[in-house]
Every structure is written in C-alpha cells, then in structure tokens.
Amino acid sequence: MNTKFEYLYRDASNYKQFASVVFAGEITDEERDLLLDNLEDGENFIPSDVGLEDLQPRMVSYPSTDDHVWHEIEIITLVDDEPTQPLNIHEFVEKFKDVEWDVVKAAEKHGIR
C-alpha cells in the first residue's frame, strides 16, 4: 500500500484547483496527526515549501488580486497506485513537520502582495 495525498488551492473567489500525489509507503495515524498539527491556522500549507507543486499558476486568472499562498489538504488515503514522488511518505512527513512556512518567499514567487 501507498499513500495518496490530495490537496487544493482555493482563491478568494472560491475558484479551485486540485492535485494529488502518491508517496511510497503507508502513513501511520501518528504521521497523519503530525501533518495536521503543522498546518498554518490548523488548515493551510504552502506546497512548494515541502516539495509539491503550488497550484496558483493553474488558475485561469493567475495572477490576480484573488490569489494568496495557502493550500488545503483535501484527503489522505491508502491506495494501490504506484508512487509519483521521489520521497516516501515517512520522508515527506519529516519534511512537513519540520518546515517553517515561508509566506514572503511564496508570495514573491507568485507576485502576490
């Protein structure tokens, strides 16, 4: 079994973009809690800070005044799918739990004020 990590970007007008990645290995309950505990304000993260794709550039109106840096975890599930990421789930969780969300860098990268 592997771990599928699905996340989304929702701009200020509530338009959305979705993405999913598959990590080798099964996430544990403790690891899931570590991910959720390190979300900004209990629900947000910056994908590029943990090696994932930022989804703002997929938006039709990108960049716009509706854009911001934050993304949300949609669901984490176990799957039989092949991994799509070089890190396994345990390495990803370690990276995620140790990250300091760099809002300034992410905003500059996307031209967001």
PDB file of N, CA and C in Angstrom:
ATOM      1  N   MET A   1       0.832  -1.190   0.000  1.00  0.00           N
ATOM      2  CA  MET A   1       0.000   0.000   0.000  1.00  0.00           C
ATOM      3  C   MET A   1       0.873   1.249   0.000  1.00  0.00           C
ATOM      4  N   ASN A   2       0.350   2.291  -0.641  1.00  0.00           N
ATOM      5  CA  ASN A   2       0.999   3.589  -0.683  1.00  0.00           C
ATOM      6  C   ASN A   2       0.022   4.647  -0.186  1.00  0.00           C
ATOM      7  N   THR A   3       0.505   5.870  -0.059  1.00  0.00           N
ATOM      8  CA  THR A   3      -0.313   6.946   0.494  1.00  0.00           C
ATOM      9  C   THR A   3      -0.573   8.010  -0.559  1.00  0.00           C
ATOM     10  N   LYS A   4      -1.849   8.270  -0.798  1.00  0.00           N
ATOM     11  CA  LYS A   4      -2.265   9.325  -1.723  1.00  0.00           C
ATOM     12  C   LYS A   4      -2.575  10.572  -0.911  1.00  0.00           C
ATOM     13  N   PHE A   5      -1.966  11.684  -1.324  1.00  0.00           N
ATOM     14  CA  PHE A   5      -2.108  12.970  -0.651  1.00  0.00           C
ATOM     15  C   PHE A   5      -2.789  13.908  -1.639  1.00  0.00           C
ATOM     16  N   GLU A   6      -4.024  14.284  -1.340  1.00  0.00           N
ATOM     17  CA  GLU A   6      -4.782  15.171  -2.229  1.00  0.00           C
ATOM     18  C   GLU A   6      -4.910  16.541  -1.569  1.00  0.00           C
ATOM     19  N   TYR A   7      -4.667  17.575  -2.372  1.00  0.00           N
ATOM     20  CA  TYR A   7      -4.742  18.926  -1.832  1.00  0.00           C
ATOM     21  C   TYR A   7      -5.357  19.862  -2.857  1.00  0.00           C
ATOM     22  N   LEU A   8      -5.709  21.069  -2.387  1.00  0.00           N
ATOM     23  CA  LEU A   8      -6.361  22.015  -3.274  1.00  0.00           C
ATOM     24  C   LEU A   8      -5.927  23.433  -2.978  1.00  0.00           C
ATOM     25  N   TYR A   9      -6.113  24.251  -4.000  1.00  0.00           N
ATOM     26  CA  TYR A   9      -5.927  25.693  -3.888  1.00  0.00           C
ATOM     27  C   TYR A   9      -7.287  26.327  -4.142  1.00  0.00           C
ATOM     28  N   ARG A  10      -7.674  27.236  -3.262  1.00  0.00           N
ATOM     29  CA  ARG A  10      -8.948  27.931  -3.381  1.00  0.00           C
ATOM     30  C   ARG A  10      -8.650  29.429  -3.312  1.00  0.00           C
ATOM     31  N   ASP A  11      -8.913  30.158  -4.409  1.00  0.00           N
ATOM     32  CA  ASP A  11      -8.622  31.586  -4.376  1.00  0.00           C
ATOM     33  C   ASP A  11      -9.722  32.325  -3.613  1.00  0.00           C
ATOM     34  N   ALA A  12      -9.578  33.634  -3.484  1.00  0.00           N
ATOM     35  CA  ALA A  12     -10.522  34.431  -2.697  1.00  0.00           C
ATOM     36  C   ALA A  12     -11.938  34.427  -3.273  1.00  0.00           C
ATOM     37  N   SER A  13     -12.091  34.100  -4.537  1.00  0.00           N
ATOM     38  CA  SER A  13     -13.419  33.997  -5.148  1.00  0.00           C
ATOM     39  C   SER A  13     -13.963  32.571  -5.094  1.00  0.00           C
ATOM     40  N   ASN A  14     -13.245  31.689  -4.433  1.00  0.00           N
ATOM     41  CA  ASN A  14     -13.614  30.289  -4.245  1.00  0.00           C
ATOM     42  C   ASN A  14     -13.473  29.434  -5.510  1.00  0.00           C
ATOM     43  N   TYR A  15     -12.695  29.910  -6.491  1.00  0.00           N
ATOM     44  CA  TYR A  15     -12.340  29.046  -7.624  1.00  0.00           C
ATOM     45  C   TYR A  15     -11.254  28.105  -7.141  1.00  0.00           C
ATOM     46  N   LYS A  16     -11.267  26.866  -7.628  1.00  0.00           N
ATOM     47  CA  LYS A  16     -10.386  25.839  -7.069  1.00  0.00           C
ATOM     48  C   LYS A  16      -9.575  25.115  -8.130  1.00  0.00           C
ATOM     49  N   GLN A  17      -8.421  24.631  -7.691  1.00  0.00           N
ATOM     50  CA  GLN A  17      -7.582  23.715  -8.454  1.00  0.00           C
ATOM     51  C   GLN A  17      -7.192  22.584  -7.512  1.00  0.00           C
ATOM     52  N   PHE A  18      -7.165  21.371  -8.044  1.00  0.00           N
ATOM     53  CA  PHE A  18      -6.881  20.197  -7.237  1.00  0.00           C
ATOM     54  C   PHE A  18      -5.630  19.475  -7.756  1.00  0.00           C
ATOM     55  N   ALA A  19      -4.942  18.793  -6.857  1.00  0.00           N
ATOM     56  CA  ALA A  19      -3.797  17.964  -7.240  1.00  0.00           C
ATOM     57  C   ALA A  19      -3.716  16.791  -6.280  1.00  0.00           C
ATOM     58  N   SER A  20      -3.077  15.732  -6.752  1.00  0.00           N
ATOM     59  CA  SER A  20      -2.819  14.596  -5.873  1.00  0.00           C
ATOM     60  C   SER A  20      -1.472  13.999  -6.235  1.00  0.00           C
ATOM     61  N   VAL A  21      -0.826  13.454  -5.224  1.00  0.00           N
ATOM     62  CA  VAL A  21       0.450  12.774  -5.389  1.00  0.00           C
ATOM     63  C   VAL A  21       0.382  11.477  -4.597  1.00  0.00           C
ATOM     64  N   VAL A  22       1.194  10.511  -5.005  1.00  0.00           N
ATOM     65  CA  VAL A  22       1.236   9.240  -4.299  1.00  0.00           C
ATOM     66  C   VAL A  22       2.660   9.020  -3.797  1.00  0.00           C
ATOM     67  N   PHE A  23       2.761   8.791  -2.491  1.00  0.00           N
ATOM     68  CA  PHE A  23       4.034   8.502  -1.851  1.00  0.00           C
ATOM     69  C   PHE A  23       4.126   7.010  -1.567  1.00  0.00           C
ATOM     70  N   ALA A  24       5.304   6.440  -1.719  1.00  0.00           N
ATOM     71  CA  ALA A  24       5.518   5.042  -1.346  1.00  0.00           C
ATOM     72  C   ALA A  24       5.347   4.896   0.161  1.00  0.00           C
ATOM     73  N   GLY A  25       4.706   3.826   0.562  1.00  0.00           N
ATOM     74  CA  GLY A  25       4.553   3.520   1.981  1.00  0.00           C
ATOM     75  C   GLY A  25       3.217   3.955   2.546  1.00  0.00           C
ATOM     76  N   GLU A  26       2.901   3.369   3.688  1.00  0.00           N
ATOM     77  CA  GLU A  26       1.638   3.650   4.374  1.00  0.00           C
ATOM     78  C   GLU A  26       1.844   4.675   5.482  1.00  0.00           C
ATOM     79  N   ILE A  27       1.062   5.716   5.441  1.00  0.00           N
ATOM     80  CA  ILE A  27       1.112   6.712   6.507  1.00  0.00           C
ATOM     81  C   ILE A  27       0.523   6.103   7.776  1.00  0.00           C
ATOM     82  N   THR A  28       1.122   6.422   8.904  1.00  0.00           N
ATOM     83  CA  THR A  28       0.592   5.953  10.184  1.00  0.00           C
ATOM     84  C   THR A  28      -0.350   7.023  10.746  1.00  0.00           C
ATOM     85  N   ASP A  29      -1.130   6.648  11.735  1.00  0.00           N
ATOM     86  CA  ASP A  29      -2.012   7.620  12.388  1.00  0.00           C
ATOM     87  C   ASP A  29      -1.189   8.739  13.028  1.00  0.00           C
ATOM     88  N   GLU A  30      -0.066   8.382  13.619  1.00  0.00           N
ATOM     89  CA  GLU A  30       0.805   9.386  14.238  1.00  0.00           C
ATOM     90  C   GLU A  30       1.342  10.364  13.186  1.00  0.00           C
ATOM     91  N   GLU A  31       1.740   9.851  12.026  1.00  0.00           N
ATOM     92  CA  GLU A  31       2.248  10.713  10.958  1.00  0.00           C
ATOM     93  C   GLU A  31       1.144  11.626  10.420  1.00  0.00           C
ATOM     94  N   ARG A  32      -0.054  11.097  10.281  1.00  0.00           N
ATOM     95  CA  ARG A  32      -1.182  11.914   9.826  1.00  0.00           C
ATOM     96  C   ARG A  32      -1.405  13.071  10.815  1.00  0.00           C
ATOM     97  N   ASP A  33      -1.346  12.758  12.098  1.00  0.00           N
ATOM     98  CA  ASP A  33      -1.515  13.794  13.118  1.00  0.00           C
ATOM     99  C   ASP A  33      -0.405  14.841  13.032  1.00  0.00           C
ATOM    100  N   LEU A  34       0.839  14.400  12.765  1.00  0.00           N
ATOM    101  CA  LEU A  34       1.954  15.345  12.630  1.00  0.00           C
ATOM    102  C   LEU A  34       1.717  16.312  11.468  1.00  0.00           C
ATOM    103  N   LEU A  35       1.220  15.781  10.342  1.00  0.00           N
ATOM    104  CA  LEU A  35       0.905  16.650   9.205  1.00  0.00           C
ATOM    105  C   LEU A  35      -0.143  17.681   9.603  1.00  0.00           C
ATOM    106  N   LEU A  36      -1.215  17.205  10.170  1.00  0.00           N
ATOM    107  CA  LEU A  36      -2.330  18.092  10.512  1.00  0.00           C
ATOM    108  C   LEU A  36      -1.942  19.103  11.588  1.00  0.00           C
ATOM    109  N   ASP A  37      -1.065  18.697  12.501  1.00  0.00           N
ATOM    110  CA  ASP A  37      -0.626  19.599  13.562  1.00  0.00           C
ATOM    111  C   ASP A  37       0.265  20.720  13.056  1.00  0.00           C
ATOM    112  N   ASN A  38       0.892  20.539  11.895  1.00  0.00           N
ATOM    113  CA  ASN A  38       1.799  21.566  11.389  1.00  0.00           C
ATOM    114  C   ASN A  38       1.163  22.454  10.322  1.00  0.00           C
ATOM    115  N   LEU A  39      -0.126  22.370  10.151  1.00  0.00           N
ATOM    116  CA  LEU A  39      -0.817  23.259   9.214  1.00  0.00           C
ATOM    117  C   LEU A  39      -0.932  24.656   9.831  1.00  0.00           C
ATOM    118  N   GLU A  40      -0.791  25.664   9.018  1.00  0.00           N
ATOM    119  CA  GLU A  40      -0.961  27.037   9.478  1.00  0.00           C
ATOM    120  C   GLU A  40      -2.433  27.255   9.819  1.00  0.00           C
ATOM    121  N   ASP A  41      -2.692  27.770  10.982  1.00  0.00           N
ATOM    122  CA  ASP A  41      -4.067  28.004  11.446  1.00  0.00           C
ATOM    123  C   ASP A  41      -4.915  26.739  11.388  1.00  0.00           C
ATOM    124  N   GLY A  42      -4.271  25.577  11.487  1.00  0.00           N
ATOM    125  CA  GLY A  42      -4.983  24.321  11.519  1.00  0.00           C
ATOM    126  C   GLY A  42      -5.513  23.825  10.198  1.00  0.00           C
ATOM    127  N   GLU A  43      -5.213  24.553   9.083  1.00  0.00           N
ATOM    128  CA  GLU A  43      -5.759  24.080   7.803  1.00  0.00           C
ATOM    129  C   GLU A  43      -4.954  24.406   6.553  1.00  0.00           C
ATOM    130  N   ASN A  44      -3.927  25.231   6.636  1.00  0.00           N
ATOM    131  CA  ASN A  44      -3.232  25.693   5.430  1.00  0.00           C
ATOM    132  C   ASN A  44      -1.758  25.307   5.393  1.00  0.00           C
ATOM    133  N   PHE A  45      -1.248  25.162   4.153  1.00  0.00           N
ATOM    134  CA  PHE A  45       0.177  24.903   3.968  1.00  0.00           C
ATOM    135  C   PHE A  45       0.610  25.464   2.620  1.00  0.00           C
ATOM    136  N   ILE A  46       1.917  25.545   2.411  1.00  0.00           N
ATOM    137  CA  ILE A  46       2.490  26.034   1.155  1.00  0.00           C
ATOM    138  C   ILE A  46       3.195  24.841   0.495  1.00  0.00           C
ATOM    139  N   PRO A  47       2.627  24.295  -0.584  1.00  0.00           N
ATOM    140  CA  PRO A  47       3.176  23.082  -1.196  1.00  0.00           C
ATOM    141  C   PRO A  47       4.655  23.179  -1.568  1.00  0.00           C
ATOM    142  N   SER A  48       5.065  24.294  -2.149  1.00  0.00           N
ATOM    143  CA  SER A  48       6.456  24.394  -2.597  1.00  0.00           C
ATOM    144  C   SER A  48       7.440  24.345  -1.431  1.00  0.00           C
ATOM    145  N   ASP A  49       7.001  24.654  -0.222  1.00  0.00           N
ATOM    146  CA  ASP A  49       7.874  24.559   0.949  1.00  0.00           C
ATOM    147  C   ASP A  49       8.165  23.111   1.337  1.00  0.00           C
ATOM    148  N   VAL A  50       7.366  22.171   0.825  1.00  0.00           N
ATOM    149  CA  VAL A  50       7.570  20.749   1.134  1.00  0.00           C
ATOM    150  C   VAL A  50       7.756  19.913  -0.131  1.00  0.00           C
ATOM    151  N   GLY A  51       8.131  20.577  -1.231  1.00  0.00           N
ATOM    152  CA  GLY A  51       8.472  19.860  -2.457  1.00  0.00           C
ATOM    153  C   GLY A  51       7.317  19.513  -3.373  1.00  0.00           C
ATOM    154  N   LEU A  52       6.142  20.096  -3.145  1.00  0.00           N
ATOM    155  CA  LEU A  52       4.999  19.847  -4.020  1.00  0.00           C
ATOM    156  C   LEU A  52       4.715  21.063  -4.899  1.00  0.00           C
ATOM    157  N   GLU A  53       3.863  20.868  -5.872  1.00  0.00           N
ATOM    158  CA  GLU A  53       3.512  21.931  -6.822  1.00  0.00           C
ATOM    159  C   GLU A  53       2.539  22.923  -6.190  1.00  0.00           C
ATOM    160  N   ASP A  54       2.869  24.216  -6.293  1.00  0.00           N
ATOM    161  CA  ASP A  54       1.899  25.259  -5.976  1.00  0.00           C
ATOM    162  C   ASP A  54       0.888  25.295  -7.112  1.00  0.00           C
ATOM    163  N   LEU A  55      -0.389  25.420  -6.787  1.00  0.00           N
ATOM    164  CA  LEU A  55      -1.437  25.299  -7.800  1.00  0.00           C
ATOM    165  C   LEU A  55      -1.957  26.624  -8.353  1.00  0.00           C
ATOM    166  N   GLN A  56      -1.517  27.749  -7.816  1.00  0.00           N
ATOM    167  CA  GLN A  56      -1.992  29.039  -8.321  1.00  0.00           C
ATOM    168  C   GLN A  56      -1.796  29.204  -9.828  1.00  0.00           C
ATOM    169  N   PRO A  57      -0.639  28.800 -10.392  1.00  0.00           N
ATOM    170  CA  PRO A  57      -0.435  29.003 -11.829  1.00  0.00           C
ATOM    171  C   PRO A  57      -1.432  28.264 -12.716  1.00  0.00           C
ATOM    172  N   ARG A  58      -2.149  27.297 -12.188  1.00  0.00           N
ATOM    173  CA  ARG A  58      -3.171  26.600 -12.971  1.00  0.00           C
ATOM    174  C   ARG A  58      -4.455  27.414 -13.118  1.00  0.00           C
ATOM    175  N   MET A  59      -4.600  28.455 -12.315  1.00  0.00           N
ATOM    176  CA  MET A  59      -5.824  29.261 -12.349  1.00  0.00           C
ATOM    177  C   MET A  59      -5.883  30.060 -13.650  1.00  0.00           C
ATOM    178  N   VAL A  60      -7.068  30.165 -14.204  1.00  0.00           N
ATOM    179  CA  VAL A  60      -7.266  30.891 -15.461  1.00  0.00           C
ATOM    180  C   VAL A  60      -6.869  32.358 -15.310  1.00  0.00           C
ATOM    181  N   SER A  61      -7.173  32.944 -14.175  1.00  0.00           N
ATOM    182  CA  SER A  61      -6.933  34.375 -13.974  1.00  0.00           C
ATOM    183  C   SER A  61      -5.601  34.685 -13.290  1.00  0.00           C
ATOM    184  N   TYR A  62      -4.729  33.695 -13.186  1.00  0.00           N
ATOM    185  CA  TYR A  62      -3.453  33.868 -12.484  1.00  0.00           C
ATOM    186  C   TYR A  62      -2.518  34.789 -13.219  1.00  0.00           C
ATOM    187  N   PRO A  63      -1.830  35.669 -12.551  1.00  0.00           N
ATOM    188  CA  PRO A  63      -2.041  36.071 -11.171  1.00  0.00           C
ATOM    189  C   PRO A  63      -3.154  37.111 -11.076  1.00  0.00           C
ATOM    190  N   SER A  64      -3.833  37.124  -9.960  1.00  0.00           N
ATOM    191  CA  SER A  64      -4.898  38.107  -9.753  1.00  0.00           C
ATOM    192  C   SER A  64      -4.903  38.549  -8.301  1.00  0.00           C
ATOM    193  N   THR A  65      -5.712  39.520  -8.002  1.00  0.00           N
ATOM    194  CA  THR A  65      -5.821  40.009  -6.629  1.00  0.00           C
ATOM    195  C   THR A  65      -6.500  38.981  -5.724  1.00  0.00           C
ATOM    196  N   ASP A  66      -7.089  37.949  -6.309  1.00  0.00           N
ATOM    197  CA  ASP A  66      -7.726  36.889  -5.520  1.00  0.00           C
ATOM    198  C   ASP A  66      -6.728  35.835  -5.036  1.00  0.00           C
ATOM    199  N   ASP A  67      -5.504  35.875  -5.551  1.00  0.00           N
ATOM    200  CA  ASP A  67      -4.524  34.847  -5.213  1.00  0.00           C
ATOM    201  C   ASP A  67      -3.852  35.102  -3.866  1.00  0.00           C
ATOM    202  N   HIS A  68      -3.447  34.014  -3.235  1.00  0.00           N
ATOM    203  CA  HIS A  68      -2.712  34.018  -1.967  1.00  0.00           C
ATOM    204  C   HIS A  68      -1.798  32.794  -1.984  1.00  0.00           C
ATOM    205  N   VAL A  69      -1.095  32.522  -0.913  1.00  0.00           N
ATOM    206  CA  VAL A  69      -0.099  31.445  -0.924  1.00  0.00           C
ATOM    207  C   VAL A  69      -0.611  30.117  -0.382  1.00  0.00           C
ATOM    208  N   TRP A  70      -1.735  30.106   0.316  1.00  0.00           N
ATOM    209  CA  TRP A  70      -2.145  28.933   1.082  1.00  0.00           C
ATOM    210  C   TRP A  70      -2.930  27.898   0.296  1.00  0.00           C
ATOM    211  N   HIS A  71      -2.683  26.634   0.612  1.00  0.00           N
ATOM    212  CA  HIS A  71      -3.386  25.476   0.055  1.00  0.00           C
ATOM    213  C   HIS A  71      -3.954  24.657   1.213  1.00  0.00           C
ATOM    214  N   GLU A  72      -4.866  23.751   0.899  1.00  0.00           N
ATOM    215  CA  GLU A  72      -5.509  22.925   1.919  1.00  0.00           C
ATOM    216  C   GLU A  72      -5.316  21.445   1.589  1.00  0.00           C
ATOM    217  N   ILE A  73      -5.171  20.634   2.611  1.00  0.00           N
ATOM    218  CA  ILE A  73      -5.188  19.184   2.413  1.00  0.00           C
ATOM    219  C   ILE A  73      -6.643  18.789   2.227  1.00  0.00           C
ATOM    220  N   GLU A  74      -6.909  18.029   1.186  1.00  0.00           N
ATOM    221  CA  GLU A  74      -8.276  17.568   0.964  1.00  0.00           C
ATOM    222  C   GLU A  74      -8.501  16.210   1.630  1.00  0.00           C
ATOM    223  N   ILE A  75      -7.631  15.243   1.320  1.00  0.00           N
ATOM    224  CA  ILE A  75      -7.779  13.904   1.900  1.00  0.00           C
ATOM    225  C   ILE A  75      -6.451  13.161   1.783  1.00  0.00           C
ATOM    226  N   ILE A  76      -6.224  12.280   2.727  1.00  0.00           N
ATOM    227  CA  ILE A  76      -5.053  11.405   2.717  1.00  0.00           C
ATOM    228  C   ILE A  76      -5.586   9.984   2.813  1.00  0.00           C
ATOM    229  N   THR A  77      -5.281   9.162   1.804  1.00  0.00           N
ATOM    230  CA  THR A  77      -5.822   7.806   1.769  1.00  0.00           C
ATOM    231  C   THR A  77      -4.744   6.795   1.388  1.00  0.00           C
ATOM    232  N   LEU A  78      -4.990   5.552   1.717  1.00  0.00           N
ATOM    233  CA  LEU A  78      -4.114   4.464   1.294  1.00  0.00           C
ATOM    234  C   LEU A  78      -4.623   3.930  -0.037  1.00  0.00           C
ATOM    235  N   VAL A  79      -3.678   3.692  -0.966  1.00  0.00           N
ATOM    236  CA  VAL A  79      -4.027   3.241  -2.316  1.00  0.00           C
ATOM    237  C   VAL A  79      -3.042   2.186  -2.793  1.00  0.00           C
ATOM    238  N   ASP A  80      -3.424   1.500  -3.852  1.00  0.00           N
ATOM    239  CA  ASP A  80      -2.526   0.542  -4.505  1.00  0.00           C
ATOM    240  C   ASP A  80      -1.764   1.186  -5.658  1.00  0.00           C
ATOM    241  N   ASP A  81      -1.994   2.471  -5.918  1.00  0.00           N
ATOM    242  CA  ASP A  81      -1.363   3.187  -7.027  1.00  0.00           C
ATOM    243  C   ASP A  81       0.157   3.227  -6.852  1.00  0.00           C
ATOM    244  N   GLU A  82       0.846   3.338  -7.972  1.00  0.00           N
ATOM    245  CA  GLU A  82       2.300   3.466  -7.959  1.00  0.00           C
ATOM    246  C   GLU A  82       2.696   4.862  -7.459  1.00  0.00           C
ATOM    247  N   PRO A  83       3.815   4.978  -6.749  1.00  0.00           N
ATOM    248  CA  PRO A  83       4.274   6.291  -6.280  1.00  0.00           C
ATOM    249  C   PRO A  83       4.555   7.244  -7.442  1.00  0.00           C
ATOM    250  N   THR A  84       4.269   8.516  -7.200  1.00  0.00           N
ATOM    251  CA  THR A  84       4.541   9.562  -8.190  1.00  0.00           C
ATOM    252  C   THR A  84       5.579  10.552  -7.676  1.00  0.00           C
ATOM    253  N   GLN A  85       6.066  10.331  -6.455  1.00  0.00           N
ATOM    254  CA  GLN A  85       7.005  11.246  -5.811  1.00  0.00           C
ATOM    255  C   GLN A  85       8.292  10.520  -5.446  1.00  0.00           C
ATOM    256  N   PRO A  86       9.420  11.234  -5.467  1.00  0.00           N
ATOM    257  CA  PRO A  86      10.682  10.591  -5.098  1.00  0.00           C
ATOM    258  C   PRO A  86      10.786  10.287  -3.602  1.00  0.00           C
ATOM    259  N   LEU A  87      10.152  11.108  -2.757  1.00  0.00           N
ATOM    260  CA  LEU A  87      10.175  10.855  -1.323  1.00  0.00           C
ATOM    261  C   LEU A  87       9.142   9.797  -0.964  1.00  0.00           C
ATOM    262  N   ASN A  88       9.434   8.988   0.060  1.00  0.00           N
ATOM    263  CA  ASN A  88       8.383   8.117   0.571  1.00  0.00           C
ATOM    264  C   ASN A  88       7.567   8.915   1.586  1.00  0.00           C
ATOM    265  N   ILE A  89       6.459   8.367   2.049  1.00  0.00           N
ATOM    266  CA  ILE A  89       5.566   9.120   2.929  1.00  0.00           C
ATOM    267  C   ILE A  89       6.244   9.503   4.234  1.00  0.00           C
ATOM    268  N   HIS A  90       7.117   8.650   4.741  1.00  0.00           N
ATOM    269  CA  HIS A  90       7.781   8.931   6.012  1.00  0.00           C
ATOM    270  C   HIS A  90       8.755  10.109   5.867  1.00  0.00           C
ATOM    271  N   GLU A  91       9.476  10.171   4.745  1.00  0.00           N
ATOM    272  CA  GLU A  91      10.371  11.303   4.477  1.00  0.00           C
ATOM    273  C   GLU A  91       9.566  12.589   4.287  1.00  0.00           C
ATOM    274  N   PHE A  92       8.436  12.483   3.590  1.00  0.00           N
ATOM    275  CA  PHE A  92       7.583  13.651   3.381  1.00  0.00           C
ATOM    276  C   PHE A  92       7.052  14.195   4.710  1.00  0.00           C
ATOM    277  N   VAL A  93       6.606  13.319   5.573  1.00  0.00           N
ATOM    278  CA  VAL A  93       6.090  13.749   6.880  1.00  0.00           C
ATOM    279  C   VAL A  93       7.198  14.454   7.665  1.00  0.00           C
ATOM    280  N   GLU A  94       8.411  13.922   7.644  1.00  0.00           N
ATOM    281  CA  GLU A  94       9.534  14.566   8.339  1.00  0.00           C
ATOM    282  C   GLU A  94       9.777  15.959   7.783  1.00  0.00           C
ATOM    283  N   LYS A  95       9.754  16.085   6.480  1.00  0.00           N
ATOM    284  CA  LYS A  95       9.950  17.388   5.839  1.00  0.00           C
ATOM    285  C   LYS A  95       8.823  18.348   6.229  1.00  0.00           C
ATOM    286  N   PHE A  96       7.609  17.854   6.218  1.00  0.00           N
ATOM    287  CA  PHE A  96       6.421  18.658   6.515  1.00  0.00           C
ATOM    288  C   PHE A  96       6.421  19.115   7.975  1.00  0.00           C
ATOM    289  N   LYS A  97       6.771  18.234   8.873  1.00  0.00           N
ATOM    290  CA  LYS A  97       6.686  18.596  10.297  1.00  0.00           C
ATOM    291  C   LYS A  97       7.790  19.566  10.709  1.00  0.00           C
ATOM    292  N   ASP A  98       8.887  19.616   9.953  1.00  0.00           N
ATOM    293  CA  ASP A  98      10.000  20.497  10.296  1.00  0.00           C
ATOM    294  C   ASP A  98       9.980  21.830   9.556  1.00  0.00           C
ATOM    295  N   VAL A  99       9.018  22.034   8.675  1.00  0.00           N
ATOM    296  CA  VAL A  99       9.011  23.225   7.830  1.00  0.00           C
ATOM    297  C   VAL A  99       8.537  24.468   8.590  1.00  0.00           C
ATOM    298  N   GLU A 100       9.106  25.583   8.209  1.00  0.00           N
ATOM    299  CA  GLU A 100       8.618  26.899   8.629  1.00  0.00           C
ATOM    300  C   GLU A 100       8.019  27.513   7.364  1.00  0.00           C
ATOM    301  N   TRP A 101       6.724  27.721   7.337  1.00  0.00           N
ATOM    302  CA  TRP A 101       6.062  28.231   6.133  1.00  0.00           C
ATOM    303  C   TRP A 101       6.626  29.598   5.775  1.00  0.00           C
ATOM    304  N   ASP A 102       7.172  29.723   4.560  1.00  0.00           N
ATOM    305  CA  ASP A 102       7.817  30.953   4.115  1.00  0.00           C
ATOM    306  C   ASP A 102       6.844  31.743   3.244  1.00  0.00           C
ATOM    307  N   VAL A 103       5.978  32.482   3.893  1.00  0.00           N
ATOM    308  CA  VAL A 103       4.929  33.247   3.213  1.00  0.00           C
ATOM    309  C   VAL A 103       5.527  34.301   2.292  1.00  0.00           C
ATOM    310  N   VAL A 104       6.557  34.982   2.744  1.00  0.00           N
ATOM    311  CA  VAL A 104       7.167  36.046   1.944  1.00  0.00           C
ATOM    312  C   VAL A 104       7.749  35.486   0.651  1.00  0.00           C
ATOM    313  N   LYS A 105       8.509  34.406   0.749  1.00  0.00           N
ATOM    314  CA  LYS A 105       9.112  33.795  -0.437  1.00  0.00           C
ATOM    315  C   LYS A 105       8.040  33.303  -1.405  1.00  0.00           C
ATOM    316  N   ALA A 106       7.011  32.646  -0.892  1.00  0.00           N
ATOM    317  CA  ALA A 106       5.941  32.142  -1.740  1.00  0.00           C
ATOM    318  C   ALA A 106       5.177  33.278  -2.406  1.00  0.00           C
ATOM    319  N   ALA A 107       4.911  34.336  -1.679  1.00  0.00           N
ATOM    320  CA  ALA A 107       4.197  35.498  -2.234  1.00  0.00           C
ATOM    321  C   ALA A 107       5.024  36.151  -3.345  1.00  0.00           C
ATOM    322  N   GLU A 108       6.325  36.314  -3.100  1.00  0.00           N
ATOM    323  CA  GLU A 108       7.201  36.908  -4.113  1.00  0.00           C
ATOM    324  C   GLU A 108       7.251  36.023  -5.367  1.00  0.00           C
ATOM    325  N   LYS A 109       7.325  34.723  -5.170  1.00  0.00           N
ATOM    326  CA  LYS A 109       7.389  33.780  -6.292  1.00  0.00           C
ATOM    327  C   LYS A 109       6.167  33.924  -7.201  1.00  0.00           C
ATOM    328  N   HIS A 110       5.015  34.175  -6.606  1.00  0.00           N
ATOM    329  CA  HIS A 110       3.774  34.260  -7.375  1.00  0.00           C
ATOM    330  C   HIS A 110       3.293  35.694  -7.618  1.00  0.00           C
ATOM    331  N   GLY A 111       4.091  36.670  -7.233  1.00  0.00           N
ATOM    332  CA  GLY A 111       3.706  38.061  -7.437  1.00  0.00           C
ATOM    333  C   GLY A 111       2.468  38.463  -6.656  1.00  0.00           C
ATOM    334  N   ILE A 112       2.339  37.891  -5.463  1.00  0.00           N
ATOM    335  CA  ILE A 112       1.188  38.161  -4.608  1.00  0.00           C
ATOM    336  C   ILE A 112       1.594  39.157  -3.538  1.00  0.00           C
ATOM    337  N   ARG A 113       0.748  40.114  -3.297  1.00  0.00           N
ATOM    338  CA  ARG A 113       1.042  41.119  -2.249  1.00  0.00           C
ATOM    339  C   ARG A 113       0.204  40.886  -1.033  1.00  0.00           C
TER     340      ARG A 113
END
